């Protein structure tokens, strides 16, 4: 799960990413925790946090990309080669 926010460009550093939530209860808890961490991060950096929602998708199994090369360019854009 990753929070959607136009002002938090580095979601992992802001605590706005949660992994391995299993089921609705864990996902709800992860969302609430991520929002709290992101708000604390933003306040500590003088940013007014804007949380528009969350992106939720299933985790890929381990080694799902073992037959591919994944590259990240300097802008942080993923490329599947």
C-alpha atoms as a PDB file:
ATOM      1  CA  UNK A   1       0.000   0.000   0.000  1.00  0.00           C
ATOM      2  CA  UNK A   2       1.295   3.445  -0.889  1.00  0.00           C
ATOM      3  CA  UNK A   3      -0.328   6.705   0.122  1.00  0.00           C
ATOM      4  CA  UNK A   4      -1.279   9.088  -2.659  1.00  0.00           C
ATOM      5  CA  UNK A   5       0.038  12.561  -1.924  1.00  0.00           C
ATOM      6  CA  UNK A   6       1.086  15.342  -4.289  1.00  0.00           C
ATOM      7  CA  UNK A   7       3.425  16.846  -1.673  1.00  0.00           C
ATOM      8  CA  UNK A   8       5.244  13.730  -0.416  1.00  0.00           C
ATOM      9  CA  UNK A   9       7.530  12.810  -3.291  1.00  0.00           C
ATOM     10  CA  UNK A  10       9.589  10.238  -1.356  1.00  0.00           C
ATOM     11  CA  UNK A  11       6.873   8.014   0.079  1.00  0.00           C
ATOM     12  CA  UNK A  12       9.159   5.411   1.683  1.00  0.00           C
ATOM     13  CA  UNK A  13      11.138   8.034   3.601  1.00  0.00           C
ATOM     14  CA  UNK A  14       7.883   9.649   4.743  1.00  0.00           C
ATOM     15  CA  UNK A  15       6.568   6.325   6.084  1.00  0.00           C
ATOM     16  CA  UNK A  16       3.813   6.339   3.471  1.00  0.00           C
ATOM     17  CA  UNK A  17       4.428   2.767   2.248  1.00  0.00           C
ATOM     18  CA  UNK A  18       3.353  -0.468   3.937  1.00  0.00           C
ATOM     19  CA  UNK A  19       4.026  -4.033   2.789  1.00  0.00           C
ATOM     20  CA  UNK A  20       2.636  -7.477   3.548  1.00  0.00           C
ATOM     21  CA  UNK A  21      -0.756  -6.441   4.950  1.00  0.00           C
ATOM     22  CA  UNK A  22      -2.935  -9.532   4.941  1.00  0.00           C
ATOM     23  CA  UNK A  23      -6.662  -8.950   5.021  1.00  0.00           C
ATOM     24  CA  UNK A  24      -8.859  -5.937   5.613  1.00  0.00           C
ATOM     25  CA  UNK A  25      -7.945  -5.463   9.280  1.00  0.00           C
ATOM     26  CA  UNK A  26      -4.189  -5.383   8.601  1.00  0.00           C
ATOM     27  CA  UNK A  27      -4.684  -3.126   5.572  1.00  0.00           C
ATOM     28  CA  UNK A  28      -6.771  -0.704   7.628  1.00  0.00           C
ATOM     29  CA  UNK A  29      -4.171  -0.650  10.387  1.00  0.00           C
ATOM     30  CA  UNK A  30      -1.360  -0.185   7.861  1.00  0.00           C
ATOM     31  CA  UNK A  31      -3.237   2.714   6.256  1.00  0.00           C
ATOM     32  CA  UNK A  32      -3.814   4.457   9.579  1.00  0.00           C
ATOM     33  CA  UNK A  33      -0.201   3.933  10.617  1.00  0.00           C
ATOM     34  CA  UNK A  34       1.108   5.224   7.283  1.00  0.00           C
ATOM     35  CA  UNK A  35      -1.074   8.334   7.492  1.00  0.00           C
ATOM     36  CA  UNK A  36       0.155   9.040  11.030  1.00  0.00           C
ATOM     37  CA  UNK A  37       3.809   8.565  10.025  1.00  0.00           C
ATOM     38  CA  UNK A  38       3.412  10.699   6.894  1.00  0.00           C
ATOM     39  CA  UNK A  39       1.754  13.500   8.874  1.00  0.00           C
ATOM     40  CA  UNK A  40       4.562  13.411  11.458  1.00  0.00           C
ATOM     41  CA  UNK A  41       7.193  13.407   8.694  1.00  0.00           C
ATOM     42  CA  UNK A  42       5.539  16.336   6.924  1.00  0.00           C
ATOM     43  CA  UNK A  43       5.210  18.368  10.116  1.00  0.00           C
ATOM     44  CA  UNK A  44       8.875  17.758  10.902  1.00  0.00           C
ATOM     45  CA  UNK A  45       9.842  19.098   7.482  1.00  0.00           C
ATOM     46  CA  UNK A  46       7.535  22.120   7.484  1.00  0.00           C
ATOM     47  CA  UNK A  47       5.223  20.618   4.861  1.00  0.00           C
ATOM     48  CA  UNK A  48       1.440  20.639   5.011  1.00  0.00           C
ATOM     49  CA  UNK A  49       0.611  16.997   4.329  1.00  0.00           C
ATOM     50  CA  UNK A  50      -2.071  16.259   1.758  1.00  0.00           C
ATOM     51  CA  UNK A  51      -3.226  12.631   1.659  1.00  0.00           C
ATOM     52  CA  UNK A  52      -5.584  11.901  -1.232  1.00  0.00           C
ATOM     53  CA  UNK A  53      -5.951   8.162  -0.637  1.00  0.00           C
ATOM     54  CA  UNK A  54      -3.922   5.004  -1.121  1.00  0.00           C
ATOM     55  CA  UNK A  55      -2.880   2.648  -3.899  1.00  0.00           C
ATOM     56  CA  UNK A  56      -3.288  -0.969  -2.911  1.00  0.00           C
ATOM     57  CA  UNK A  57      -2.091  -3.894  -4.986  1.00  0.00           C
ATOM     58  CA  UNK A  58      -1.106  -7.494  -4.312  1.00  0.00           C
ATOM     59  CA  UNK A  59       2.518  -8.293  -3.591  1.00  0.00           C
ATOM     60  CA  UNK A  60       4.410 -10.090  -6.326  1.00  0.00           C
ATOM     61  CA  UNK A  61       5.826 -13.460  -5.348  1.00  0.00           C
ATOM     62  CA  UNK A  62       9.530 -13.582  -4.527  1.00  0.00           C
ATOM     63  CA  UNK A  63      11.728 -13.554  -7.618  1.00  0.00           C
ATOM     64  CA  UNK A  64       8.844 -12.579  -9.887  1.00  0.00           C
ATOM     65  CA  UNK A  65      11.302 -10.617 -12.013  1.00  0.00           C
ATOM     66  CA  UNK A  66      14.144 -13.128 -12.157  1.00  0.00           C
ATOM     67  CA  UNK A  67      13.965 -13.319 -15.970  1.00  0.00           C
ATOM     68  CA  UNK A  68      13.934  -9.543 -16.451  1.00  0.00           C
ATOM     69  CA  UNK A  69      16.233  -6.626 -15.909  1.00  0.00           C
ATOM     70  CA  UNK A  70      14.655  -3.714 -14.072  1.00  0.00           C
ATOM     71  CA  UNK A  71      16.429  -0.384 -14.426  1.00  0.00           C
ATOM     72  CA  UNK A  72      15.696   2.903 -12.690  1.00  0.00           C
ATOM     73  CA  UNK A  73      16.738   6.093 -14.431  1.00  0.00           C
ATOM     74  CA  UNK A  74      17.843   9.256 -12.638  1.00  0.00           C
ATOM     75  CA  UNK A  75      14.239  10.472 -12.414  1.00  0.00           C
ATOM     76  CA  UNK A  76      13.228   7.290 -10.582  1.00  0.00           C
ATOM     77  CA  UNK A  77      11.261   5.899 -13.515  1.00  0.00           C
ATOM     78  CA  UNK A  78      11.144   2.104 -13.770  1.00  0.00           C
ATOM     79  CA  UNK A  79      11.954   0.545 -17.109  1.00  0.00           C
ATOM     80  CA  UNK A  80      11.378  -3.130 -17.947  1.00  0.00           C
ATOM     81  CA  UNK A  81      14.090  -4.221 -20.361  1.00  0.00           C
END
